[in-house]
Amino acid sequence: MSEPDPVAASLDNLVTAVQEIDALAHEAAERAERLRAQREQGQSYREILSDEERPPVDLVSEMTDALIDAGGKFQRAQARALYEEGATMDEIAELFRVSRQRVSKLLARARQSDEGFGRGSGGA
């Protein structure tokens, strides 16, 4: 049986994160509309926000954090796979439209976290 593909696994993780973000975005939009309506009814921001179980900005922060985390894992997995297939750091940098130094950092972080790699694969 073949070994699991870390890039595919990180892509699955990214898709799940985007789906969760979509649900959070709908919740944030509903809360924003509710906040606007409460404000138009004359409530103060203090009243409105003290009634919220979770401030709307928390939803935005959660969405941002989830996307950065999942996107970073996916990018590191892709960089590592390309490197192990023989692509140079310069080639990866061109594909990702980043600097060679950024690719070096991506590969170092991928090795540190061992995101599904490192089972006897050597790299270029």
PDB file of N, CA and C in Angstrom:
ATOM      1  N   MET A   1       0.849  -1.194   0.000  1.00  0.00           N
ATOM      2  CA  MET A   1       0.000   0.000   0.000  1.00  0.00           C
ATOM      3  C   MET A   1       0.884   1.243   0.000  1.00  0.00           C
ATOM      4  N   SER A   2       0.506   2.230  -0.771  1.00  0.00           N
ATOM      5  CA  SER A   2       1.322   3.436  -0.863  1.00  0.00           C
ATOM      6  C   SER A   2       1.129   4.322   0.370  1.00  0.00           C
ATOM      7  N   GLU A   3       2.152   5.131   0.612  1.00  0.00           N
ATOM      8  CA  GLU A   3       2.110   6.041   1.769  1.00  0.00           C
ATOM      9  C   GLU A   3       1.134   7.177   1.490  1.00  0.00           C
ATOM     10  N   PRO A   4       0.534   7.719   2.542  1.00  0.00           N
ATOM     11  CA  PRO A   4      -0.388   8.840   2.348  1.00  0.00           C
ATOM     12  C   PRO A   4       0.323  10.041   1.725  1.00  0.00           C
ATOM     13  N   ASP A   5      -0.400  10.784   0.942  1.00  0.00           N
ATOM     14  CA  ASP A   5       0.140  11.974   0.282  1.00  0.00           C
ATOM     15  C   ASP A   5      -0.073  13.182   1.189  1.00  0.00           C
ATOM     16  N   PRO A   6       1.016  13.726   1.755  1.00  0.00           N
ATOM     17  CA  PRO A   6       0.879  14.875   2.665  1.00  0.00           C
ATOM     18  C   PRO A   6       0.284  16.111   2.007  1.00  0.00           C
ATOM     19  N   VAL A   7       0.515  16.302   0.716  1.00  0.00           N
ATOM     20  CA  VAL A   7      -0.058  17.466   0.028  1.00  0.00           C
ATOM     21  C   VAL A   7      -1.574  17.302  -0.061  1.00  0.00           C
ATOM     22  N   ALA A   8      -2.017  16.102  -0.414  1.00  0.00           N
ATOM     23  CA  ALA A   8      -3.462  15.854  -0.491  1.00  0.00           C
ATOM     24  C   ALA A   8      -4.105  16.009   0.888  1.00  0.00           C
ATOM     25  N   ALA A   9      -3.429  15.526   1.918  1.00  0.00           N
ATOM     26  CA  ALA A   9      -3.964  15.660   3.278  1.00  0.00           C
ATOM     27  C   ALA A   9      -4.065  17.132   3.676  1.00  0.00           C
ATOM     28  N   SER A  10      -3.040  17.926   3.337  1.00  0.00           N
ATOM     29  CA  SER A  10      -3.083  19.345   3.687  1.00  0.00           C
ATOM     30  C   SER A  10      -4.121  20.081   2.843  1.00  0.00           C
ATOM     31  N   LEU A  11      -4.353  19.608   1.622  1.00  0.00           N
ATOM     32  CA  LEU A  11      -5.396  20.199   0.784  1.00  0.00           C
ATOM     33  C   LEU A  11      -6.775  19.900   1.379  1.00  0.00           C
ATOM     34  N   ASP A  12      -6.960  18.668   1.858  1.00  0.00           N
ATOM     35  CA  ASP A  12      -8.220  18.322   2.534  1.00  0.00           C
ATOM     36  C   ASP A  12      -8.430  19.225   3.745  1.00  0.00           C
ATOM     37  N   ASN A  13      -7.353  19.457   4.495  1.00  0.00           N
ATOM     38  CA  ASN A  13      -7.412  20.337   5.664  1.00  0.00           C
ATOM     39  C   ASN A  13      -7.791  21.764   5.253  1.00  0.00           C
ATOM     40  N   LEU A  14      -7.245  22.228   4.147  1.00  0.00           N
ATOM     41  CA  LEU A  14      -7.553  23.572   3.649  1.00  0.00           C
ATOM     42  C   LEU A  14      -9.024  23.671   3.234  1.00  0.00           C
ATOM     43  N   VAL A  15      -9.523  22.654   2.545  1.00  0.00           N
ATOM     44  CA  VAL A  15     -10.931  22.654   2.129  1.00  0.00           C
ATOM     45  C   VAL A  15     -11.844  22.687   3.357  1.00  0.00           C
ATOM     46  N   THR A  16     -11.525  21.888   4.356  1.00  0.00           N
ATOM     47  CA  THR A  16     -12.316  21.876   5.592  1.00  0.00           C
ATOM     48  C   THR A  16     -12.290  23.251   6.251  1.00  0.00           C
ATOM     49  N   ALA A  17     -11.116  23.861   6.301  1.00  0.00           N
ATOM     50  CA  ALA A  17     -11.000  25.195   6.903  1.00  0.00           C
ATOM     51  C   ALA A  17     -11.840  26.217   6.144  1.00  0.00           C
ATOM     52  N   VAL A  18     -11.805  26.162   4.817  1.00  0.00           N
ATOM     53  CA  VAL A  18     -12.587  27.111   4.012  1.00  0.00           C
ATOM     54  C   VAL A  18     -14.085  26.901   4.247  1.00  0.00           C
ATOM     55  N   GLN A  19     -14.514  25.651   4.374  1.00  0.00           N
ATOM     56  CA  GLN A  19     -15.924  25.379   4.655  1.00  0.00           C
ATOM     57  C   GLN A  19     -16.327  25.919   6.031  1.00  0.00           C
ATOM     58  N   GLU A  20     -15.444  25.754   7.016  1.00  0.00           N
ATOM     59  CA  GLU A  20     -15.721  26.291   8.352  1.00  0.00           C
ATOM     60  C   GLU A  20     -15.744  27.815   8.325  1.00  0.00           C
ATOM     61  N   ILE A  21     -14.845  28.403   7.555  1.00  0.00           N
ATOM     62  CA  ILE A  21     -14.801  29.857   7.427  1.00  0.00           C
ATOM     63  C   ILE A  21     -16.081  30.365   6.772  1.00  0.00           C
ATOM     64  N   ASP A  22     -16.579  29.633   5.791  1.00  0.00           N
ATOM     65  CA  ASP A  22     -17.823  30.019   5.132  1.00  0.00           C
ATOM     66  C   ASP A  22     -18.967  30.081   6.145  1.00  0.00           C
ATOM     67  N   ALA A  23     -19.051  29.083   7.010  1.00  0.00           N
ATOM     68  CA  ALA A  23     -20.101  29.076   8.035  1.00  0.00           C
ATOM     69  C   ALA A  23     -19.914  30.242   9.005  1.00  0.00           C
ATOM     70  N   LEU A  24     -18.674  30.500   9.402  1.00  0.00           N
ATOM     71  CA  LEU A  24     -18.399  31.623  10.298  1.00  0.00           C
ATOM     72  C   LEU A  24     -18.707  32.957   9.625  1.00  0.00           C
ATOM     73  N   ALA A  25     -18.441  33.050   8.325  1.00  0.00           N
ATOM     74  CA  ALA A  25     -18.717  34.291   7.591  1.00  0.00           C
ATOM     75  C   ALA A  25     -20.216  34.581   7.570  1.00  0.00           C
ATOM     76  N   HIS A  26     -21.007  33.548   7.386  1.00  0.00           N
ATOM     77  CA  HIS A  26     -22.464  33.747   7.416  1.00  0.00           C
ATOM     78  C   HIS A  26     -22.905  34.208   8.802  1.00  0.00           C
ATOM     79  N   GLU A  27     -22.339  33.599   9.835  1.00  0.00           N
ATOM     80  CA  GLU A  27     -22.680  34.010  11.202  1.00  0.00           C
ATOM     81  C   GLU A  27     -22.250  35.455  11.451  1.00  0.00           C
ATOM     82  N   ALA A  28     -21.050  35.818  10.982  1.00  0.00           N
ATOM     83  CA  ALA A  28     -20.565  37.190  11.160  1.00  0.00           C
ATOM     84  C   ALA A  28     -21.458  38.188  10.434  1.00  0.00           C
ATOM     85  N   ALA A  29     -21.904  37.837   9.229  1.00  0.00           N
ATOM     86  CA  ALA A  29     -22.775  38.732   8.472  1.00  0.00           C
ATOM     87  C   ALA A  29     -24.118  38.915   9.185  1.00  0.00           C
ATOM     88  N   GLU A  30     -24.662  37.831   9.711  1.00  0.00           N
ATOM     89  CA  GLU A  30     -25.928  37.924  10.450  1.00  0.00           C
ATOM     90  C   GLU A  30     -25.768  38.804  11.696  1.00  0.00           C
ATOM     91  N   ARG A  31     -24.672  38.615  12.405  1.00  0.00           N
ATOM     92  CA  ARG A  31     -24.428  39.429  13.600  1.00  0.00           C
ATOM     93  C   ARG A  31     -24.241  40.895  13.238  1.00  0.00           C
ATOM     94  N   ALA A  32     -23.543  41.142  12.143  1.00  0.00           N
ATOM     95  CA  ALA A  32     -23.328  42.526  11.718  1.00  0.00           C
ATOM     96  C   ALA A  32     -24.660  43.192  11.387  1.00  0.00           C
ATOM     97  N   GLU A  33     -25.534  42.482  10.693  1.00  0.00           N
ATOM     98  CA  GLU A  33     -26.854  43.029  10.374  1.00  0.00           C
ATOM     99  C   GLU A  33     -27.656  43.278  11.653  1.00  0.00           C
ATOM    100  N   ARG A  34     -27.564  42.355  12.600  1.00  0.00           N
ATOM    101  CA  ARG A  34     -28.272  42.518  13.873  1.00  0.00           C
ATOM    102  C   ARG A  34     -27.711  43.715  14.640  1.00  0.00           C
ATOM    103  N   LEU A  35     -26.404  43.867  14.632  1.00  0.00           N
ATOM    104  CA  LEU A  35     -25.758  45.003  15.299  1.00  0.00           C
ATOM    105  C   LEU A  35     -26.216  46.310  14.666  1.00  0.00           C
ATOM    106  N   ARG A  36     -26.245  46.344  13.337  1.00  0.00           N
ATOM    107  CA  ARG A  36     -26.684  47.550  12.626  1.00  0.00           C
ATOM    108  C   ARG A  36     -28.130  47.895  13.002  1.00  0.00           C
ATOM    109  N   ALA A  37     -28.984  46.883  13.033  1.00  0.00           N
ATOM    110  CA  ALA A  37     -30.397  47.114  13.377  1.00  0.00           C
ATOM    111  C   ALA A  37     -30.537  47.619  14.809  1.00  0.00           C
ATOM    112  N   GLN A  38     -29.777  47.052  15.727  1.00  0.00           N
ATOM    113  CA  GLN A  38     -29.830  47.500  17.122  1.00  0.00           C
ATOM    114  C   GLN A  38     -29.343  48.934  17.237  1.00  0.00           C
ATOM    115  N   ARG A  39     -28.329  49.258  16.497  1.00  0.00           N
ATOM    116  CA  ARG A  39     -27.789  50.621  16.533  1.00  0.00           C
ATOM    117  C   ARG A  39     -28.819  51.605  15.966  1.00  0.00           C
ATOM    118  N   GLU A  40     -29.469  51.213  14.887  1.00  0.00           N
ATOM    119  CA  GLU A  40     -30.488  52.075  14.275  1.00  0.00           C
ATOM    120  C   GLU A  40     -31.690  52.269  15.207  1.00  0.00           C
ATOM    121  N   GLN A  41     -31.887  51.319  16.117  1.00  0.00           N
ATOM    122  CA  GLN A  41     -32.967  51.437  17.099  1.00  0.00           C
ATOM    123  C   GLN A  41     -32.550  52.284  18.301  1.00  0.00           C
ATOM    124  N   GLY A  42     -31.315  52.801  18.265  1.00  0.00           N
ATOM    125  CA  GLY A  42     -30.868  53.709  19.303  1.00  0.00           C
ATOM    126  C   GLY A  42     -30.049  53.093  20.425  1.00  0.00           C
ATOM    127  N   GLN A  43     -29.762  51.812  20.349  1.00  0.00           N
ATOM    128  CA  GLN A  43     -28.953  51.204  21.405  1.00  0.00           C
ATOM    129  C   GLN A  43     -27.510  51.678  21.294  1.00  0.00           C
ATOM    130  N   SER A  44     -26.858  51.796  22.441  1.00  0.00           N
ATOM    131  CA  SER A  44     -25.441  52.168  22.440  1.00  0.00           C
ATOM    132  C   SER A  44     -24.603  50.935  22.097  1.00  0.00           C
ATOM    133  N   TYR A  45     -23.382  51.177  21.643  1.00  0.00           N
ATOM    134  CA  TYR A  45     -22.483  50.058  21.340  1.00  0.00           C
ATOM    135  C   TYR A  45     -22.207  49.233  22.593  1.00  0.00           C
ATOM    136  N   ARG A  46     -22.113  49.893  23.729  1.00  0.00           N
ATOM    137  CA  ARG A  46     -21.888  49.188  24.986  1.00  0.00           C
ATOM    138  C   ARG A  46     -23.026  48.206  25.268  1.00  0.00           C
ATOM    139  N   GLU A  47     -24.251  48.645  25.064  1.00  0.00           N
ATOM    140  CA  GLU A  47     -25.411  47.774  25.275  1.00  0.00           C
ATOM    141  C   GLU A  47     -25.401  46.600  24.283  1.00  0.00           C
ATOM    142  N   ILE A  48     -25.144  46.936  23.048  1.00  0.00           N
ATOM    143  CA  ILE A  48     -25.172  45.915  21.996  1.00  0.00           C
ATOM    144  C   ILE A  48     -24.117  44.842  22.250  1.00  0.00           C
ATOM    145  N   LEU A  49     -22.904  45.282  22.485  1.00  0.00           N
ATOM    146  CA  LEU A  49     -21.801  44.330  22.642  1.00  0.00           C
ATOM    147  C   LEU A  49     -21.859  43.566  23.957  1.00  0.00           C
ATOM    148  N   SER A  50     -22.436  44.168  24.987  1.00  0.00           N
ATOM    149  CA  SER A  50     -22.542  43.438  26.252  1.00  0.00           C
ATOM    150  C   SER A  50     -23.590  42.333  26.161  1.00  0.00           C
ATOM    151  N   ASP A  51     -24.523  42.446  25.211  1.00  0.00           N
ATOM    152  CA  ASP A  51     -25.523  41.405  25.000  1.00  0.00           C
ATOM    153  C   ASP A  51     -25.006  40.260  24.130  1.00  0.00           C
ATOM    154  N   GLU A  52     -23.928  40.497  23.408  1.00  0.00           N
ATOM    155  CA  GLU A  52     -23.368  39.471  22.520  1.00  0.00           C
ATOM    156  C   GLU A  52     -22.636  38.425  23.356  1.00  0.00           C
ATOM    157  N   GLU A  53     -22.843  37.141  23.014  1.00  0.00           N
ATOM    158  CA  GLU A  53     -22.125  36.079  23.699  1.00  0.00           C
ATOM    159  C   GLU A  53     -20.667  36.030  23.255  1.00  0.00           C
ATOM    160  N   ARG A  54     -20.435  36.555  22.079  1.00  0.00           N
ATOM    161  CA  ARG A  54     -19.086  36.562  21.505  1.00  0.00           C
ATOM    162  C   ARG A  54     -18.996  37.765  20.576  1.00  0.00           C
ATOM    163  N   PRO A  55     -18.044  38.647  20.805  1.00  0.00           N
ATOM    164  CA  PRO A  55     -17.946  39.831  19.939  1.00  0.00           C
ATOM    165  C   PRO A  55     -17.730  39.442  18.474  1.00  0.00           C
ATOM    166  N   PRO A  56     -18.349  40.164  17.551  1.00  0.00           N
ATOM    167  CA  PRO A  56     -18.194  39.849  16.122  1.00  0.00           C
ATOM    168  C   PRO A  56     -16.734  39.808  15.669  1.00  0.00           C
ATOM    169  N   VAL A  57     -15.893  40.621  16.264  1.00  0.00           N
ATOM    170  CA  VAL A  57     -14.491  40.639  15.849  1.00  0.00           C
ATOM    171  C   VAL A  57     -13.809  39.303  16.144  1.00  0.00           C
ATOM    172  N   ASP A  58     -14.310  38.565  17.137  1.00  0.00           N
ATOM    173  CA  ASP A  58     -13.757  37.235  17.417  1.00  0.00           C
ATOM    174  C   ASP A  58     -13.972  36.288  16.238  1.00  0.00           C
ATOM    175  N   LEU A  59     -15.123  36.404  15.589  1.00  0.00           N
ATOM    176  CA  LEU A  59     -15.395  35.566  14.425  1.00  0.00           C
ATOM    177  C   LEU A  59     -14.412  35.872  13.299  1.00  0.00           C
ATOM    178  N   VAL A  60     -14.159  37.136  13.069  1.00  0.00           N
ATOM    179  CA  VAL A  60     -13.232  37.537  12.016  1.00  0.00           C
ATOM    180  C   VAL A  60     -11.824  37.027  12.335  1.00  0.00           C
ATOM    181  N   SER A  61     -11.407  37.149  13.585  1.00  0.00           N
ATOM    182  CA  SER A  61     -10.089  36.655  13.988  1.00  0.00           C
ATOM    183  C   SER A  61      -9.989  35.147  13.811  1.00  0.00           C
ATOM    184  N   GLU A  62     -11.043  34.433  14.163  1.00  0.00           N
ATOM    185  CA  GLU A  62     -11.047  32.977  14.019  1.00  0.00           C
ATOM    186  C   GLU A  62     -10.943  32.570  12.550  1.00  0.00           C
ATOM    187  N   MET A  63     -11.657  33.287  11.682  1.00  0.00           N
ATOM    188  CA  MET A  63     -11.588  32.988  10.245  1.00  0.00           C
ATOM    189  C   MET A  63     -10.185  33.233   9.707  1.00  0.00           C
ATOM    190  N   THR A  64      -9.606  34.353  10.086  1.00  0.00           N
ATOM    191  CA  THR A  64      -8.271  34.703   9.616  1.00  0.00           C
ATOM    192  C   THR A  64      -7.244  33.681  10.093  1.00  0.00           C
ATOM    193  N   ASP A  65      -7.288  33.338  11.368  1.00  0.00           N
ATOM    194  CA  ASP A  65      -6.344  32.367  11.929  1.00  0.00           C
ATOM    195  C   ASP A  65      -6.466  31.010  11.236  1.00  0.00           C
ATOM    196  N   ALA A  66      -7.694  30.559  11.001  1.00  0.00           N
ATOM    197  CA  ALA A  66      -7.911  29.256  10.364  1.00  0.00           C
ATOM    198  C   ALA A  66      -7.351  29.236   8.947  1.00  0.00           C
ATOM    199  N   LEU A  67      -7.572  30.307   8.202  1.00  0.00           N
ATOM    200  CA  LEU A  67      -7.086  30.362   6.829  1.00  0.00           C
ATOM    201  C   LEU A  67      -5.563  30.445   6.776  1.00  0.00           C
ATOM    202  N   ILE A  68      -4.973  31.229   7.635  1.00  0.00           N
ATOM    203  CA  ILE A  68      -3.508  31.340   7.672  1.00  0.00           C
ATOM    204  C   ILE A  68      -2.881  29.999   8.029  1.00  0.00           C
ATOM    205  N   ASP A  69      -3.447  29.317   9.021  1.00  0.00           N
ATOM    206  CA  ASP A  69      -2.909  28.030   9.453  1.00  0.00           C
ATOM    207  C   ASP A  69      -3.019  26.984   8.340  1.00  0.00           C
ATOM    208  N   ALA A  70      -4.211  26.807   7.803  1.00  0.00           N
ATOM    209  CA  ALA A  70      -4.424  25.783   6.773  1.00  0.00           C
ATOM    210  C   ALA A  70      -3.668  26.113   5.486  1.00  0.00           C
ATOM    211  N   GLY A  71      -3.675  27.388   5.098  1.00  0.00           N
ATOM    212  CA  GLY A  71      -2.952  27.796   3.893  1.00  0.00           C
ATOM    213  C   GLY A  71      -1.454  27.606   4.037  1.00  0.00           C
ATOM    214  N   GLY A  72      -0.932  27.917   5.207  1.00  0.00           N
ATOM    215  CA  GLY A  72       0.500  27.729   5.463  1.00  0.00           C
ATOM    216  C   GLY A  72       0.912  26.269   5.402  1.00  0.00           C
ATOM    217  N   LYS A  73       0.103  25.399   6.008  1.00  0.00           N
ATOM    218  CA  LYS A  73       0.400  23.961   5.966  1.00  0.00           C
ATOM    219  C   LYS A  73       0.389  23.444   4.536  1.00  0.00           C
ATOM    220  N   PHE A  74      -0.590  23.905   3.762  1.00  0.00           N
ATOM    221  CA  PHE A  74      -0.679  23.475   2.370  1.00  0.00           C
ATOM    222  C   PHE A  74       0.531  23.958   1.578  1.00  0.00           C
ATOM    223  N   GLN A  75       0.910  25.211   1.758  1.00  0.00           N
ATOM    224  CA  GLN A  75       2.058  25.745   1.026  1.00  0.00           C
ATOM    225  C   GLN A  75       3.349  25.026   1.410  1.00  0.00           C
ATOM    226  N   ARG A  76       3.521  24.747   2.707  1.00  0.00           N
ATOM    227  CA  ARG A  76       4.726  24.017   3.144  1.00  0.00           C
ATOM    228  C   ARG A  76       4.745  22.605   2.565  1.00  0.00           C
ATOM    229  N   ALA A  77       3.608  21.942   2.558  1.00  0.00           N
ATOM    230  CA  ALA A  77       3.546  20.583   2.010  1.00  0.00           C
ATOM    231  C   ALA A  77       3.861  20.584   0.515  1.00  0.00           C
ATOM    232  N   GLN A  78       3.333  21.561  -0.205  1.00  0.00           N
ATOM    233  CA  GLN A  78       3.617  21.663  -1.633  1.00  0.00           C
ATOM    234  C   GLN A  78       5.102  21.917  -1.876  1.00  0.00           C
ATOM    235  N   ALA A  79       5.671  22.841  -1.135  1.00  0.00           N
ATOM    236  CA  ALA A  79       7.089  23.164  -1.304  1.00  0.00           C
ATOM    237  C   ALA A  79       7.951  21.928  -1.032  1.00  0.00           C
ATOM    238  N   ARG A  80       7.637  21.229   0.038  1.00  0.00           N
ATOM    239  CA  ARG A  80       8.407  20.037   0.393  1.00  0.00           C
ATOM    240  C   ARG A  80       8.282  18.961  -0.674  1.00  0.00           C
ATOM    241  N   ALA A  81       7.073  18.737  -1.192  1.00  0.00           N
ATOM    242  CA  ALA A  81       6.870  17.734  -2.234  1.00  0.00           C
ATOM    243  C   ALA A  81       7.634  18.101  -3.501  1.00  0.00           C
ATOM    244  N   LEU A  82       7.547  19.355  -3.900  1.00  0.00           N
ATOM    245  CA  LEU A  82       8.276  19.801  -5.086  1.00  0.00           C
ATOM    246  C   LEU A  82       9.781  19.622  -4.907  1.00  0.00           C
ATOM    247  N   TYR A  83      10.272  19.981  -3.732  1.00  0.00           N
ATOM    248  CA  TYR A  83      11.702  19.860  -3.453  1.00  0.00           C
ATOM    249  C   TYR A  83      12.132  18.394  -3.493  1.00  0.00           C
ATOM    250  N   GLU A  84      11.320  17.523  -2.918  1.00  0.00           N
ATOM    251  CA  GLU A  84      11.647  16.099  -2.910  1.00  0.00           C
ATOM    252  C   GLU A  84      11.536  15.473  -4.296  1.00  0.00           C
ATOM    253  N   GLU A  85      10.767  16.108  -5.191  1.00  0.00           N
ATOM    254  CA  GLU A  85      10.684  15.659  -6.580  1.00  0.00           C
ATOM    255  C   GLU A  85      11.842  16.191  -7.417  1.00  0.00           C
ATOM    256  N   GLY A  86      12.697  17.011  -6.809  1.00  0.00           N
ATOM    257  CA  GLY A  86      13.880  17.502  -7.503  1.00  0.00           C
ATOM    258  C   GLY A  86      13.837  18.955  -7.924  1.00  0.00           C
ATOM    259  N   ALA A  87      12.760  19.658  -7.628  1.00  0.00           N
ATOM    260  CA  ALA A  87      12.699  21.079  -7.971  1.00  0.00           C
ATOM    261  C   ALA A  87      13.688  21.847  -7.090  1.00  0.00           C
ATOM    262  N   THR A  88      14.308  22.842  -7.665  1.00  0.00           N
ATOM    263  CA  THR A  88      15.231  23.675  -6.890  1.00  0.00           C
ATOM    264  C   THR A  88      14.440  24.734  -6.120  1.00  0.00           C
ATOM    265  N   MET A  89      15.088  25.341  -5.157  1.00  0.00           N
ATOM    266  CA  MET A  89      14.424  26.409  -4.409  1.00  0.00           C
ATOM    267  C   MET A  89      14.071  27.574  -5.323  1.00  0.00           C
ATOM    268  N   ASP A  90      14.919  27.852  -6.297  1.00  0.00           N
ATOM    269  CA  ASP A  90      14.620  28.924  -7.245  1.00  0.00           C
ATOM    270  C   ASP A  90      13.378  28.597  -8.078  1.00  0.00           C
ATOM    271  N   GLU A  91      13.255  27.339  -8.502  1.00  0.00           N
ATOM    272  CA  GLU A  91      12.078  26.935  -9.283  1.00  0.00           C
ATOM    273  C   GLU A  91      10.803  27.032  -8.439  1.00  0.00           C
ATOM    274  N   ILE A  92      10.891  26.579  -7.194  1.00  0.00           N
ATOM    275  CA  ILE A  92       9.735  26.651  -6.296  1.00  0.00           C
ATOM    276  C   ILE A  92       9.364  28.114  -6.047  1.00  0.00           C
ATOM    277  N   ALA A  93      10.366  28.944  -5.841  1.00  0.00           N
ATOM    278  CA  ALA A  93      10.122  30.375  -5.621  1.00  0.00           C
ATOM    279  C   ALA A  93       9.385  30.988  -6.803  1.00  0.00           C
ATOM    280  N   GLU A  94       9.789  30.615  -8.000  1.00  0.00           N
ATOM    281  CA  GLU A  94       9.122  31.136  -9.193  1.00  0.00           C
ATOM    282  C   GLU A  94       7.670  30.644  -9.269  1.00  0.00           C
ATOM    283  N   LEU A  95       7.450  29.364  -8.978  1.00  0.00           N
ATOM    284  CA  LEU A  95       6.089  28.812  -9.002  1.00  0.00           C
ATOM    285  C   LEU A  95       5.183  29.495  -7.984  1.00  0.00           C
ATOM    286  N   PHE A  96       5.719  29.744  -6.794  1.00  0.00           N
ATOM    287  CA  PHE A  96       4.934  30.336  -5.698  1.00  0.00           C
ATOM    288  C   PHE A  96       4.914  31.861  -5.741  1.00  0.00           C
ATOM    289  N   ARG A  97       5.750  32.435  -6.615  1.00  0.00           N
ATOM    290  CA  ARG A  97       5.880  33.892  -6.717  1.00  0.00           C
ATOM    291  C   ARG A  97       6.332  34.511  -5.394  1.00  0.00           C
ATOM    292  N   VAL A  98       7.348  33.864  -4.807  1.00  0.00           N
ATOM    293  CA  VAL A  98       7.956  34.351  -3.570  1.00  0.00           C
ATOM    294  C   VAL A  98       9.468  34.332  -3.753  1.00  0.00           C
ATOM    295  N   SER A  99      10.193  34.826  -2.756  1.00  0.00           N
ATOM    296  CA  SER A  99      11.655  34.818  -2.833  1.00  0.00           C
ATOM    297  C   SER A  99      12.208  33.425  -2.505  1.00  0.00           C
ATOM    298  N   ARG A 100      13.437  33.204  -2.921  1.00  0.00           N
ATOM    299  CA  ARG A 100      14.118  31.950  -2.591  1.00  0.00           C
ATOM    300  C   ARG A 100      14.249  31.813  -1.075  1.00  0.00           C
ATOM    301  N   GLN A 101      14.469  32.931  -0.402  1.00  0.00           N
ATOM    302  CA  GLN A 101      14.581  32.909   1.064  1.00  0.00           C
ATOM    303  C   GLN A 101      13.272  32.431   1.699  1.00  0.00           C
ATOM    304  N   ARG A 102      12.143  32.842   1.138  1.00  0.00           N
ATOM    305  CA  ARG A 102      10.840  32.394   1.655  1.00  0.00           C
ATOM    306  C   ARG A 102      10.690  30.888   1.478  1.00  0.00           C
ATOM    307  N   VAL A 103      11.127  30.368   0.347  1.00  0.00           N
ATOM    308  CA  VAL A 103      11.067  28.924   0.104  1.00  0.00           C
ATOM    309  C   VAL A 103      11.940  28.189   1.112  1.00  0.00           C
ATOM    310  N   SER A 104      13.111  28.731   1.367  1.00  0.00           N
ATOM    311  CA  SER A 104      14.001  28.119   2.354  1.00  0.00           C
ATOM    312  C   SER A 104      13.315  28.024   3.720  1.00  0.00           C
ATOM    313  N   LYS A 105      12.627  29.090   4.110  1.00  0.00           N
ATOM    314  CA  LYS A 105      11.896  29.084   5.387  1.00  0.00           C
ATOM    315  C   LYS A 105      10.741  28.089   5.368  1.00  0.00           C
ATOM    316  N   LEU A 106      10.029  28.020   4.247  1.00  0.00           N
ATOM    317  CA  LEU A 106       8.934  27.056   4.131  1.00  0.00           C
ATOM    318  C   LEU A 106       9.441  25.630   4.302  1.00  0.00           C
ATOM    319  N   LEU A 107      10.548  25.320   3.628  1.00  0.00           N
ATOM    320  CA  LEU A 107      11.105  23.973   3.719  1.00  0.00           C
ATOM    321  C   LEU A 107      11.613  23.668   5.128  1.00  0.00           C
ATOM    322  N   ALA A 108      12.233  24.654   5.762  1.00  0.00           N
ATOM    323  CA  ALA A 108      12.720  24.444   7.133  1.00  0.00           C
ATOM    324  C   ALA A 108      11.553  24.190   8.085  1.00  0.00           C
ATOM    325  N   ARG A 109      10.482  24.959   7.939  1.00  0.00           N
ATOM    326  CA  ARG A 109       9.299  24.748   8.800  1.00  0.00           C
ATOM    327  C   ARG A 109       8.638  23.417   8.518  1.00  0.00           C
ATOM    328  N   ALA A 110       8.605  23.013   7.268  1.00  0.00           N
ATOM    329  CA  ALA A 110       8.015  21.715   6.916  1.00  0.00           C
ATOM    330  C   ALA A 110       8.823  20.588   7.552  1.00  0.00           C
ATOM    331  N   ARG A 111      10.148  20.706   7.530  1.00  0.00           N
ATOM    332  CA  ARG A 111      10.998  19.687   8.164  1.00  0.00           C
ATOM    333  C   ARG A 111      10.810  19.683   9.669  1.00  0.00           C
ATOM    334  N   GLN A 112      10.733  20.867  10.281  1.00  0.00           N
ATOM    335  CA  GLN A 112      10.556  20.968  11.736  1.00  0.00           C
ATOM    336  C   GLN A 112       9.248  20.336  12.182  1.00  0.00           C
ATOM    337  N   SER A 113       8.189  20.607  11.449  1.00  0.00           N
ATOM    338  CA  SER A 113       6.886  20.090  11.860  1.00  0.00           C
ATOM    339  C   SER A 113       6.623  18.704  11.295  1.00  0.00           C
ATOM    340  N   ASP A 114       7.481  18.258  10.353  1.00  0.00           N
ATOM    341  CA  ASP A 114       7.356  16.946   9.733  1.00  0.00           C
ATOM    342  C   ASP A 114       5.921  16.690   9.311  1.00  0.00           C
ATOM    343  N   GLU A 115       5.388  17.563   8.506  1.00  0.00           N
ATOM    344  CA  GLU A 115       3.992  17.503   8.078  1.00  0.00           C
ATOM    345  C   GLU A 115       3.783  16.379   7.071  1.00  0.00           C
ATOM    346  N   GLY A 116       3.977  15.138   7.550  1.00  0.00           N
ATOM    347  CA  GLY A 116       3.727  13.976   6.720  1.00  0.00           C
ATOM    348  C   GLY A 116       4.905  13.556   5.863  1.00  0.00           C
ATOM    349  N   PHE A 117       6.037  14.187   6.012  1.00  0.00           N
ATOM    350  CA  PHE A 117       7.200  13.855   5.226  1.00  0.00           C
ATOM    351  C   PHE A 117       8.268  13.246   6.109  1.00  0.00           C
ATOM    352  N   GLY A 118       9.400  13.006   5.501  1.00  0.00           N
ATOM    353  CA  GLY A 118      10.568  12.583   6.269  1.00  0.00           C
ATOM    354  C   GLY A 118      10.643  11.089   6.502  1.00  0.00           C
ATOM    355  N   ARG A 119       9.901  10.293   5.740  1.00  0.00           N
ATOM    356  CA  ARG A 119       9.971   8.863   5.889  1.00  0.00           C
ATOM    357  C   ARG A 119      11.003   8.309   4.913  1.00  0.00           C
ATOM    358  N   GLY A 120      12.232   8.711   5.140  1.00  0.00           N
ATOM    359  CA  GLY A 120      13.309   8.185   4.311  1.00  0.00           C
ATOM    360  C   GLY A 120      13.503   8.901   2.989  1.00  0.00           C
ATOM    361  N   SER A 121      12.822   9.975   2.758  1.00  0.00           N
ATOM    362  CA  SER A 121      12.999  10.708   1.522  1.00  0.00           C
ATOM    363  C   SER A 121      14.098  11.727   1.692  1.00  0.00           C
ATOM    364  N   GLY A 122      14.915  11.831   0.692  1.00  0.00           N
ATOM    365  CA  GLY A 122      16.111  12.631   0.829  1.00  0.00           C
ATOM    366  C   GLY A 122      16.008  14.041   0.348  1.00  0.00           C
ATOM    367  N   GLY A 123      15.333  14.305  -0.740  1.00  0.00           N
ATOM    368  CA  GLY A 123      15.298  15.654  -1.287  1.00  0.00           C
ATOM    369  C   GLY A 123      16.409  15.858  -2.272  1.00  0.00           C
ATOM    370  N   ALA A 124      16.519  17.051  -2.822  1.00  0.00           N
ATOM    371  CA  ALA A 124      17.528  17.353  -3.840  1.00  0.00           C
ATOM    372  C   ALA A 124      18.721  18.016  -3.218  1.00  0.00           C
TER     373      ALA A 124
END
